Amino acid sequence: MQNLTLSWQSAAAVGVAVYAASAAVRRSGRVSVALVLRETATVLGLFAVWQFAGQISVMGTDDATARGQWIWNAERTLRLPSERTLQQWVLPHPLLVQGADYYYAVMHFGMVIALLAWVFLRHRESYPWVRTTLVLVTAASLLVQLVPVAPPRLLGTSGMVDTAVQYGQSVYGTTIGGLQADSYSAMPSVHVAWCVLVAVAVVRISPSRWRWLIIVHPVLTVAVVVVTANHYWLDGVAAVALLLLAYLAQWAVARALAAHRTQRAAADPEQRVPARV
């Protein structure tokens, strides 16, 4: 069976290697390349923490299943479209299902790396905002994921197929009771949080008229996480809410700092800008 995603050990090891490479490249005088490698190592480290945190989130599979069932029932009460219906449209097409499995495993991480490299190299002034948002929304998601929730593929009443098992495309390992603990980290969907972050950053930063095409990425990601039975609709809603909170927190901090600087300037006459004659 193929393993389509990095374990936390692999991500950490690769991150350390990339960081070491960045130090070596920096000594050779290629500062820009070294900085890109360093930031890549930072994201790999963040990914490793995310994977590791998932392994310690399982406190009981029975409770996780009950929570997943509650989300499923709540969606039916809210009359949201059935995830099962969307999956049944795709199941008769093996290539689409396998493509969805690969997209789920690879693209969410690859797109974030590509975004950070692009912003760092072409729009350096926006880089702190993008990276801080990534760290905040991922950290918030990890805190919520400490409460285990079974995804639709592990919910017997959902009637959904575990496409990774059906096509031999492993997204999650087999370490605890036949399943990796991260299998029960359905709520919220970090995949959705990251893909929306990518889209918002590109639309806000890029001056190109083609920038709106990036919206295809979150649309595909939302479809993929549902088709593969890894997430509920509400997992995505929660992820977007956390992303909005990350933006709001940065806005509030920036506003508070600006107000503080204004007060200091008003209190210190020497910091005031002389009026033009």
C-alpha atoms as a PDB file:
ATOM      1  CA  MET A   1       0.000   0.000   0.000  1.00  0.00           C
ATOM      2  CA  GLN A   2       1.323   3.420  -0.912  1.00  0.00           C
ATOM      3  CA  ASN A   3       1.902   6.024   1.761  1.00  0.00           C
ATOM      4  CA  LEU A   4       1.048   9.413   0.291  1.00  0.00           C
ATOM      5  CA  THR A   5       1.898  11.658   3.209  1.00  0.00           C
ATOM      6  CA  LEU A   6       4.890  12.385   5.396  1.00  0.00           C
ATOM      7  CA  SER A   7       4.910  11.087   8.960  1.00  0.00           C
ATOM      8  CA  TRP A   8       5.915  13.555  11.644  1.00  0.00           C
ATOM      9  CA  GLN A   9       9.267  11.784  11.948  1.00  0.00           C
ATOM     10  CA  SER A  10       9.913  12.099   8.200  1.00  0.00           C
ATOM     11  CA  ALA A  11       8.797  15.726   8.110  1.00  0.00           C
ATOM     12  CA  ALA A  12      11.021  16.572  11.065  1.00  0.00           C
ATOM     13  CA  ALA A  13      14.018  14.779   9.556  1.00  0.00           C
ATOM     14  CA  VAL A  14      13.557  16.477   6.193  1.00  0.00           C
ATOM     15  CA  GLY A  15      13.096  19.814   7.943  1.00  0.00           C
ATOM     16  CA  VAL A  16      16.378  19.425   9.833  1.00  0.00           C
ATOM     17  CA  ALA A  17      18.155  18.444   6.602  1.00  0.00           C
ATOM     18  CA  VAL A  18      16.727  21.436   4.729  1.00  0.00           C
ATOM     19  CA  TYR A  19      17.686  23.766   7.572  1.00  0.00           C
ATOM     20  CA  ALA A  20      21.235  22.413   7.515  1.00  0.00           C
ATOM     21  CA  ALA A  21      21.303  22.918   3.756  1.00  0.00           C
ATOM     22  CA  SER A  22      20.172  26.516   4.216  1.00  0.00           C
ATOM     23  CA  ALA A  23      23.091  27.157   6.559  1.00  0.00           C
ATOM     24  CA  ALA A  24      25.536  25.674   4.061  1.00  0.00           C
ATOM     25  CA  VAL A  25      24.071  27.672   1.172  1.00  0.00           C
ATOM     26  CA  ARG A  26      24.193  30.862   3.224  1.00  0.00           C
ATOM     27  CA  ARG A  27      27.909  30.363   3.835  1.00  0.00           C
ATOM     28  CA  SER A  28      28.397  30.145   0.080  1.00  0.00           C
ATOM     29  CA  GLY A  29      26.942  33.630  -0.281  1.00  0.00           C
ATOM     30  CA  ARG A  30      23.557  32.760  -1.823  1.00  0.00           C
ATOM     31  CA  VAL A  31      21.526  34.492   0.836  1.00  0.00           C
ATOM     32  CA  SER A  32      18.156  34.482  -0.967  1.00  0.00           C
ATOM     33  CA  VAL A  33      18.282  30.744  -1.631  1.00  0.00           C
ATOM     34  CA  ALA A  34      19.331  30.142   1.970  1.00  0.00           C
ATOM     35  CA  LEU A  35      16.373  32.128   3.256  1.00  0.00           C
ATOM     36  CA  VAL A  36      13.945  30.174   1.072  1.00  0.00           C
ATOM     37  CA  LEU A  37      15.382  26.897   2.377  1.00  0.00           C
ATOM     38  CA  ARG A  38      15.122  28.152   5.952  1.00  0.00           C
ATOM     39  CA  GLU A  39      11.471  29.058   5.530  1.00  0.00           C
ATOM     40  CA  THR A  40      10.792  25.684   3.899  1.00  0.00           C
ATOM     41  CA  ALA A  41      12.356  24.036   6.944  1.00  0.00           C
ATOM     42  CA  THR A  42      10.089  26.132   9.164  1.00  0.00           C
ATOM     43  CA  VAL A  43       6.974  24.905   7.352  1.00  0.00           C
ATOM     44  CA  LEU A  44       8.199  21.305   7.487  1.00  0.00           C
ATOM     45  CA  GLY A  45       8.664  21.742  11.224  1.00  0.00           C
ATOM     46  CA  LEU A  46       5.121  23.100  11.518  1.00  0.00           C
ATOM     47  CA  PHE A  47       3.830  20.136   9.506  1.00  0.00           C
ATOM     48  CA  ALA A  48       5.738  17.740  11.802  1.00  0.00           C
ATOM     49  CA  VAL A  49       4.159  19.321  14.884  1.00  0.00           C
ATOM     50  CA  TRP A  50       0.725  19.012  13.271  1.00  0.00           C
ATOM     51  CA  GLN A  51       1.269  15.326  12.496  1.00  0.00           C
ATOM     52  CA  PHE A  52       2.663  14.605  15.966  1.00  0.00           C
ATOM     53  CA  ALA A  53      -0.152  16.448  17.735  1.00  0.00           C
ATOM     54  CA  GLY A  54      -2.633  14.304  15.828  1.00  0.00           C
ATOM     55  CA  GLN A  55      -1.098  11.188  17.331  1.00  0.00           C
ATOM     56  CA  ILE A  56      -1.749  12.357  20.891  1.00  0.00           C
ATOM     57  CA  SER A  57      -5.317  13.527  20.290  1.00  0.00           C
ATOM     58  CA  VAL A  58      -7.074  10.191  20.648  1.00  0.00           C
ATOM     59  CA  MET A  59      -8.628   9.904  24.088  1.00  0.00           C
ATOM     60  CA  GLY A  60     -11.187   7.278  23.164  1.00  0.00           C
ATOM     61  CA  THR A  61     -12.497   6.094  19.822  1.00  0.00           C
ATOM     62  CA  ASP A  62     -16.000   5.582  21.190  1.00  0.00           C
ATOM     63  CA  ASP A  63     -16.310   9.259  22.081  1.00  0.00           C
ATOM     64  CA  ALA A  64     -14.768  10.227  18.735  1.00  0.00           C
ATOM     65  CA  THR A  65     -17.422   8.237  16.891  1.00  0.00           C
ATOM     66  CA  ALA A  66     -20.193   9.794  18.966  1.00  0.00           C
ATOM     67  CA  ARG A  67     -18.921  13.282  18.146  1.00  0.00           C
ATOM     68  CA  GLY A  68     -18.718  12.437  14.466  1.00  0.00           C
ATOM     69  CA  GLN A  69     -22.289  11.158  14.583  1.00  0.00           C
ATOM     70  CA  TRP A  70     -23.400  14.385  16.258  1.00  0.00           C
ATOM     71  CA  ILE A  71     -21.851  16.444  13.448  1.00  0.00           C
ATOM     72  CA  TRP A  72     -23.482  14.189  10.830  1.00  0.00           C
ATOM     73  CA  ASN A  73     -26.885  14.560  12.484  1.00  0.00           C
ATOM     74  CA  ALA A  74     -26.450  18.326  12.891  1.00  0.00           C
ATOM     75  CA  GLU A  75     -25.744  18.675   9.172  1.00  0.00           C
ATOM     76  CA  ARG A  76     -28.915  16.781   8.346  1.00  0.00           C
ATOM     77  CA  THR A  77     -30.859  19.043  10.720  1.00  0.00           C
ATOM     78  CA  LEU A  78     -29.373  22.062   8.963  1.00  0.00           C
ATOM     79  CA  ARG A  79     -30.339  20.450   5.637  1.00  0.00           C
ATOM     80  CA  LEU A  80     -26.807  20.587   4.278  1.00  0.00           C
ATOM     81  CA  PRO A  81     -26.109  18.470   1.187  1.00  0.00           C
ATOM     82  CA  SER A  82     -25.160  14.900   2.010  1.00  0.00           C
ATOM     83  CA  GLU A  83     -21.457  14.084   1.723  1.00  0.00           C
ATOM     84  CA  ARG A  84     -22.498  10.572   0.778  1.00  0.00           C
ATOM     85  CA  THR A  85     -24.360  11.818  -2.292  1.00  0.00           C
ATOM     86  CA  LEU A  86     -21.319  13.713  -3.580  1.00  0.00           C
ATOM     87  CA  GLN A  87     -19.102  10.678  -3.071  1.00  0.00           C
ATOM     88  CA  GLN A  88     -21.550   8.405  -4.881  1.00  0.00           C
ATOM     89  CA  TRP A  89     -21.357  10.668  -7.933  1.00  0.00           C
ATOM     90  CA  VAL A  90     -17.595  10.151  -8.088  1.00  0.00           C
ATOM     91  CA  LEU A  91     -17.154   6.505  -7.014  1.00  0.00           C
ATOM     92  CA  PRO A  92     -17.995   5.060 -10.461  1.00  0.00           C
ATOM     93  CA  HIS A  93     -14.940   6.900 -11.852  1.00  0.00           C
ATOM     94  CA  PRO A  94     -11.760   5.324 -10.390  1.00  0.00           C
ATOM     95  CA  LEU A  95      -9.379   7.869 -11.907  1.00  0.00           C
ATOM     96  CA  LEU A  96     -11.267  10.738 -10.276  1.00  0.00           C
ATOM     97  CA  VAL A  97     -11.244   9.003  -6.906  1.00  0.00           C
ATOM     98  CA  GLN A  98      -7.542   8.201  -7.078  1.00  0.00           C
ATOM     99  CA  GLY A  99      -6.825  11.748  -8.221  1.00  0.00           C
ATOM    100  CA  ALA A 100      -8.785  13.024  -5.217  1.00  0.00           C
ATOM    101  CA  ASP A 101      -6.703  10.850  -2.884  1.00  0.00           C
ATOM    102  CA  TYR A 102      -3.471  12.248  -4.340  1.00  0.00           C
ATOM    103  CA  TYR A 103      -4.783  15.817  -4.201  1.00  0.00           C
ATOM    104  CA  TYR A 104      -5.752  15.360  -0.555  1.00  0.00           C
ATOM    105  CA  ALA A 105      -2.332  13.993   0.381  1.00  0.00           C
ATOM    106  CA  VAL A 106      -0.043  16.205  -1.678  1.00  0.00           C
ATOM    107  CA  MET A 107      -1.519  19.481  -2.889  1.00  0.00           C
ATOM    108  CA  HIS A 108      -2.454  21.119   0.409  1.00  0.00           C
ATOM    109  CA  PHE A 109       1.172  20.972   1.572  1.00  0.00           C
ATOM    110  CA  GLY A 110       2.670  21.659  -1.850  1.00  0.00           C
ATOM    111  CA  MET A 111       0.518  24.727  -2.432  1.00  0.00           C
ATOM    112  CA  VAL A 112       1.475  26.247   0.919  1.00  0.00           C
ATOM    113  CA  ILE A 113       5.183  25.740   0.167  1.00  0.00           C
ATOM    114  CA  ALA A 114       4.691  27.309  -3.271  1.00  0.00           C
ATOM    115  CA  LEU A 115       2.805  30.260  -1.747  1.00  0.00           C
ATOM    116  CA  LEU A 116       5.461  30.953   0.859  1.00  0.00           C
ATOM    117  CA  ALA A 117       8.269  30.743  -1.709  1.00  0.00           C
ATOM    118  CA  TRP A 118       6.422  33.084  -4.089  1.00  0.00           C
ATOM    119  CA  VAL A 119       5.585  35.644  -1.414  1.00  0.00           C
ATOM    120  CA  PHE A 120       9.076  35.486   0.068  1.00  0.00           C
ATOM    121  CA  LEU A 121      10.828  35.977  -3.269  1.00  0.00           C
ATOM    122  CA  ARG A 122       8.435  38.371  -5.007  1.00  0.00           C
ATOM    123  CA  HIS A 123       6.475  40.155  -2.274  1.00  0.00           C
ATOM    124  CA  ARG A 124       8.736  40.131   0.780  1.00  0.00           C
ATOM    125  CA  GLU A 125       6.782  42.867   2.556  1.00  0.00           C
ATOM    126  CA  SER A 126       3.727  40.577   2.772  1.00  0.00           C
ATOM    127  CA  TYR A 127       5.616  37.530   3.981  1.00  0.00           C
ATOM    128  CA  PRO A 128       5.314  38.128   7.762  1.00  0.00           C
ATOM    129  CA  TRP A 129       1.539  38.455   7.442  1.00  0.00           C
ATOM    130  CA  VAL A 130       1.205  35.224   5.444  1.00  0.00           C
ATOM    131  CA  ARG A 131       3.490  33.159   7.658  1.00  0.00           C
ATOM    132  CA  THR A 132       1.954  34.474  10.878  1.00  0.00           C
ATOM    133  CA  THR A 133      -1.509  33.597   9.593  1.00  0.00           C
ATOM    134  CA  LEU A 134      -0.329  30.087   8.733  1.00  0.00           C
ATOM    135  CA  VAL A 135       1.127  29.562  12.203  1.00  0.00           C
ATOM    136  CA  LEU A 136      -1.912  30.975  14.011  1.00  0.00           C
ATOM    137  CA  VAL A 137      -4.558  29.015  12.120  1.00  0.00           C
ATOM    138  CA  THR A 138      -2.582  25.775  12.324  1.00  0.00           C
ATOM    139  CA  ALA A 139      -1.983  26.179  16.061  1.00  0.00           C
ATOM    140  CA  ALA A 140      -5.660  26.948  16.676  1.00  0.00           C
ATOM    141  CA  SER A 141      -6.682  23.913  14.618  1.00  0.00           C
ATOM    142  CA  LEU A 142      -4.354  21.677  16.627  1.00  0.00           C
ATOM    143  CA  LEU A 143      -5.919  22.840  19.869  1.00  0.00           C
ATOM    144  CA  VAL A 144      -9.390  21.948  18.607  1.00  0.00           C
ATOM    145  CA  GLN A 145      -8.153  18.605  17.260  1.00  0.00           C
ATOM    146  CA  LEU A 146      -7.102  17.544  20.735  1.00  0.00           C
ATOM    147  CA  VAL A 147     -10.774  16.611  21.051  1.00  0.00           C
ATOM    148  CA  PRO A 148     -11.047  13.525  18.785  1.00  0.00           C
ATOM    149  CA  VAL A 149     -13.735  13.385  16.120  1.00  0.00           C
ATOM    150  CA  ALA A 150     -14.219  10.453  13.750  1.00  0.00           C
ATOM    151  CA  PRO A 151     -14.404  11.416  10.051  1.00  0.00           C
ATOM    152  CA  PRO A 152     -17.195  10.142   7.773  1.00  0.00           C
ATOM    153  CA  ARG A 153     -15.029   7.229   6.534  1.00  0.00           C
ATOM    154  CA  LEU A 154     -14.905   5.866  10.090  1.00  0.00           C
ATOM    155  CA  LEU A 155     -18.564   6.522  10.823  1.00  0.00           C
ATOM    156  CA  GLY A 156     -20.472   3.316  10.200  1.00  0.00           C
ATOM    157  CA  THR A 157     -23.806   5.087   9.779  1.00  0.00           C
ATOM    158  CA  SER A 158     -22.561   7.464   7.061  1.00  0.00           C
ATOM    159  CA  GLY A 159     -22.518   4.824   4.342  1.00  0.00           C
ATOM    160  CA  MET A 160     -19.352   6.385   2.906  1.00  0.00           C
ATOM    161  CA  VAL A 161     -16.375   4.515   1.459  1.00  0.00           C
ATOM    162  CA  ASP A 162     -12.802   4.923   2.671  1.00  0.00           C
ATOM    163  CA  THR A 163     -11.315   5.590  -0.753  1.00  0.00           C
ATOM    164  CA  ALA A 164      -7.728   5.371   0.502  1.00  0.00           C
ATOM    165  CA  VAL A 165      -8.366   1.782   1.601  1.00  0.00           C
ATOM    166  CA  GLN A 166     -10.392   0.927  -1.508  1.00  0.00           C
ATOM    167  CA  TYR A 167      -7.618   1.986  -3.896  1.00  0.00           C
ATOM    168  CA  GLY A 168      -4.606   1.163  -1.738  1.00  0.00           C
ATOM    169  CA  GLN A 169      -3.669   4.821  -1.308  1.00  0.00           C
ATOM    170  CA  SER A 170      -2.748   5.275   2.314  1.00  0.00           C
ATOM    171  CA  VAL A 171      -3.189   8.766   3.674  1.00  0.00           C
ATOM    172  CA  TYR A 172      -3.030   7.741   7.327  1.00  0.00           C
ATOM    173  CA  GLY A 173      -0.760   5.177   8.881  1.00  0.00           C
ATOM    174  CA  THR A 174      -1.554   2.173  11.051  1.00  0.00           C
ATOM    175  CA  THR A 175      -0.033   2.762  14.459  1.00  0.00           C
ATOM    176  CA  ILE A 176      -2.695   2.744  17.175  1.00  0.00           C
ATOM    177  CA  GLY A 177      -5.327   0.028  17.199  1.00  0.00           C
ATOM    178  CA  GLY A 178      -4.925  -0.365  13.431  1.00  0.00           C
ATOM    179  CA  LEU A 179      -5.352   3.378  12.880  1.00  0.00           C
ATOM    180  CA  GLN A 180      -3.132   6.392  13.353  1.00  0.00           C
ATOM    181  CA  ALA A 181      -4.476   8.732  16.016  1.00  0.00           C
ATOM    182  CA  ASP A 182      -4.632  11.552  13.481  1.00  0.00           C
ATOM    183  CA  SER A 183      -7.417   9.578  11.810  1.00  0.00           C
ATOM    184  CA  TYR A 184      -9.703  11.005  14.502  1.00  0.00           C
ATOM    185  CA  SER A 185      -8.713  14.645  13.930  1.00  0.00           C
ATOM    186  CA  ALA A 186     -11.530  15.461  11.549  1.00  0.00           C
ATOM    187  CA  MET A 187     -12.586  18.731  13.191  1.00  0.00           C
ATOM    188  CA  PRO A 188     -11.553  21.234  11.911  1.00  0.00           C
ATOM    189  CA  SER A 189     -10.153  20.590   8.427  1.00  0.00           C
ATOM    190  CA  VAL A 190      -6.621  21.975   8.228  1.00  0.00           C
ATOM    191  CA  HIS A 191      -6.761  21.211   4.504  1.00  0.00           C
ATOM    192  CA  VAL A 192      -9.587  23.726   4.106  1.00  0.00           C
ATOM    193  CA  ALA A 193      -7.914  26.306   6.348  1.00  0.00           C
ATOM    194  CA  TRP A 194      -4.699  26.146   4.340  1.00  0.00           C
ATOM    195  CA  CYS A 195      -6.320  26.229   0.904  1.00  0.00           C
ATOM    196  CA  VAL A 196      -8.448  29.270   1.769  1.00  0.00           C
ATOM    197  CA  LEU A 197      -5.360  30.951   3.222  1.00  0.00           C
ATOM    198  CA  VAL A 198      -3.541  30.358  -0.078  1.00  0.00           C
ATOM    199  CA  ALA A 199      -6.409  31.795  -2.098  1.00  0.00           C
ATOM    200  CA  VAL A 200      -6.809  34.880   0.101  1.00  0.00           C
ATOM    201  CA  ALA A 201      -3.073  35.592   0.013  1.00  0.00           C
ATOM    202  CA  VAL A 202      -2.809  35.292  -3.770  1.00  0.00           C
ATOM    203  CA  VAL A 203      -5.887  37.439  -4.424  1.00  0.00           C
ATOM    204  CA  ARG A 204      -4.740  40.099  -1.960  1.00  0.00           C
ATOM    205  CA  ILE A 205      -1.073  40.219  -2.977  1.00  0.00           C
ATOM    206  CA  SER A 206      -0.881  39.448  -6.685  1.00  0.00           C
ATOM    207  CA  PRO A 207      -1.449  42.323  -9.132  1.00  0.00           C
ATOM    208  CA  SER A 208      -2.233  39.897 -11.973  1.00  0.00           C
ATOM    209  CA  ARG A 209      -5.717  39.808 -13.469  1.00  0.00           C
ATOM    210  CA  TRP A 210      -5.384  35.993 -13.470  1.00  0.00           C
ATOM    211  CA  ARG A 211      -5.076  35.818  -9.702  1.00  0.00           C
ATOM    212  CA  TRP A 212      -8.739  34.876  -9.294  1.00  0.00           C
ATOM    213  CA  LEU A 213      -8.007  31.476 -10.848  1.00  0.00           C
ATOM    214  CA  ILE A 214      -6.520  30.475  -7.484  1.00  0.00           C
ATOM    215  CA  ILE A 215     -10.093  30.082  -6.221  1.00  0.00           C
ATOM    216  CA  VAL A 216     -10.112  26.757  -8.073  1.00  0.00           C
ATOM    217  CA  HIS A 217      -7.782  25.383  -5.393  1.00  0.00           C
ATOM    218  CA  PRO A 218     -10.122  25.795  -2.393  1.00  0.00           C
ATOM    219  CA  VAL A 219     -13.095  24.633  -4.468  1.00  0.00           C
ATOM    220  CA  LEU A 220     -11.237  21.453  -5.442  1.00  0.00           C
ATOM    221  CA  THR A 221      -9.939  20.940  -1.913  1.00  0.00           C
ATOM    222  CA  VAL A 222     -13.382  21.152  -0.345  1.00  0.00           C
ATOM    223  CA  ALA A 223     -14.696  18.671  -2.909  1.00  0.00           C
ATOM    224  CA  VAL A 224     -11.723  16.365  -2.345  1.00  0.00           C
ATOM    225  CA  VAL A 225     -11.940  16.248   1.459  1.00  0.00           C
ATOM    226  CA  VAL A 226     -15.600  15.276   1.147  1.00  0.00           C
ATOM    227  CA  VAL A 227     -15.219  12.782  -1.718  1.00  0.00           C
ATOM    228  CA  THR A 228     -12.455  10.949   0.139  1.00  0.00           C
ATOM    229  CA  ALA A 229     -14.691  10.801   3.239  1.00  0.00           C
ATOM    230  CA  ASN A 230     -12.084  12.540   5.378  1.00  0.00           C
ATOM    231  CA  HIS A 231     -14.181  15.519   6.452  1.00  0.00           C
ATOM    232  CA  TYR A 232     -17.695  16.815   7.006  1.00  0.00           C
ATOM    233  CA  TRP A 233     -18.901  20.112   5.585  1.00  0.00           C
ATOM    234  CA  LEU A 234     -18.845  21.593   9.088  1.00  0.00           C
ATOM    235  CA  ASP A 235     -15.147  20.732   9.447  1.00  0.00           C
ATOM    236  CA  GLY A 236     -14.509  23.204   6.637  1.00  0.00           C
ATOM    237  CA  VAL A 237     -16.808  25.816   8.151  1.00  0.00           C
ATOM    238  CA  ALA A 238     -14.924  25.575  11.452  1.00  0.00           C
ATOM    239  CA  ALA A 239     -11.592  25.873   9.629  1.00  0.00           C
ATOM    240  CA  VAL A 240     -12.658  29.062   7.853  1.00  0.00           C
ATOM    241  CA  ALA A 241     -13.896  30.493  11.162  1.00  0.00           C
ATOM    242  CA  LEU A 242     -10.480  29.865  12.735  1.00  0.00           C
ATOM    243  CA  LEU A 243      -8.788  31.476   9.741  1.00  0.00           C
ATOM    244  CA  LEU A 244     -10.964  34.566  10.144  1.00  0.00           C
ATOM    245  CA  LEU A 245     -10.017  34.688  13.828  1.00  0.00           C
ATOM    246  CA  ALA A 246      -6.331  34.556  12.842  1.00  0.00           C
ATOM    247  CA  TYR A 247      -6.834  37.539  10.530  1.00  0.00           C
ATOM    248  CA  LEU A 248      -8.830  39.380  13.204  1.00  0.00           C
ATOM    249  CA  ALA A 249      -6.129  38.769  15.835  1.00  0.00           C
ATOM    250  CA  GLN A 250      -3.440  40.228  13.571  1.00  0.00           C
ATOM    251  CA  TRP A 251      -5.611  43.233  12.724  1.00  0.00           C
ATOM    252  CA  ALA A 252      -6.292  43.879  16.417  1.00  0.00           C
ATOM    253  CA  VAL A 253      -2.611  43.635  17.339  1.00  0.00           C
ATOM    254  CA  ALA A 254      -1.583  45.922  14.458  1.00  0.00           C
ATOM    255  CA  ARG A 255      -4.213  48.477  15.470  1.00  0.00           C
ATOM    256  CA  ALA A 256      -3.122  48.360  19.113  1.00  0.00           C
ATOM    257  CA  LEU A 257       0.529  48.842  18.167  1.00  0.00           C
ATOM    258  CA  ALA A 258      -0.349  51.761  15.894  1.00  0.00           C
ATOM    259  CA  ALA A 259      -2.341  53.387  18.685  1.00  0.00           C
ATOM    260  CA  HIS A 260       0.556  52.864  21.080  1.00  0.00           C
ATOM    261  CA  ARG A 261       3.009  54.475  18.675  1.00  0.00           C
ATOM    262  CA  THR A 262       0.656  57.425  18.216  1.00  0.00           C
ATOM    263  CA  GLN A 263       0.387  57.913  21.974  1.00  0.00           C
ATOM    264  CA  ARG A 264       4.161  57.770  22.397  1.00  0.00           C
ATOM    265  CA  ALA A 265       4.657  60.300  19.614  1.00  0.00           C
ATOM    266  CA  ALA A 266       2.119  62.619  21.190  1.00  0.00           C
ATOM    267  CA  ALA A 267       3.777  62.300  24.581  1.00  0.00           C
ATOM    268  CA  ASP A 268       7.296  62.916  23.247  1.00  0.00           C
ATOM    269  CA  PRO A 269       7.575  66.248  21.373  1.00  0.00           C
ATOM    270  CA  GLU A 270      10.974  65.243  19.939  1.00  0.00           C
ATOM    271  CA  GLN A 271       9.322  62.414  17.984  1.00  0.00           C
ATOM    272  CA  ARG A 272       6.859  64.718  16.279  1.00  0.00           C
ATOM    273  CA  VAL A 273       7.475  65.451  12.635  1.00  0.00           C
ATOM    274  CA  PRO A 274       8.309  69.151  12.116  1.00  0.00           C
ATOM    275  CA  ALA A 275       5.703  71.047  10.184  1.00  0.00           C
ATOM    276  CA  ARG A 276       6.706  72.164   6.692  1.00  0.00           C
ATOM    277  CA  VAL A 277       7.234  75.907   6.170  1.00  0.00           C
END
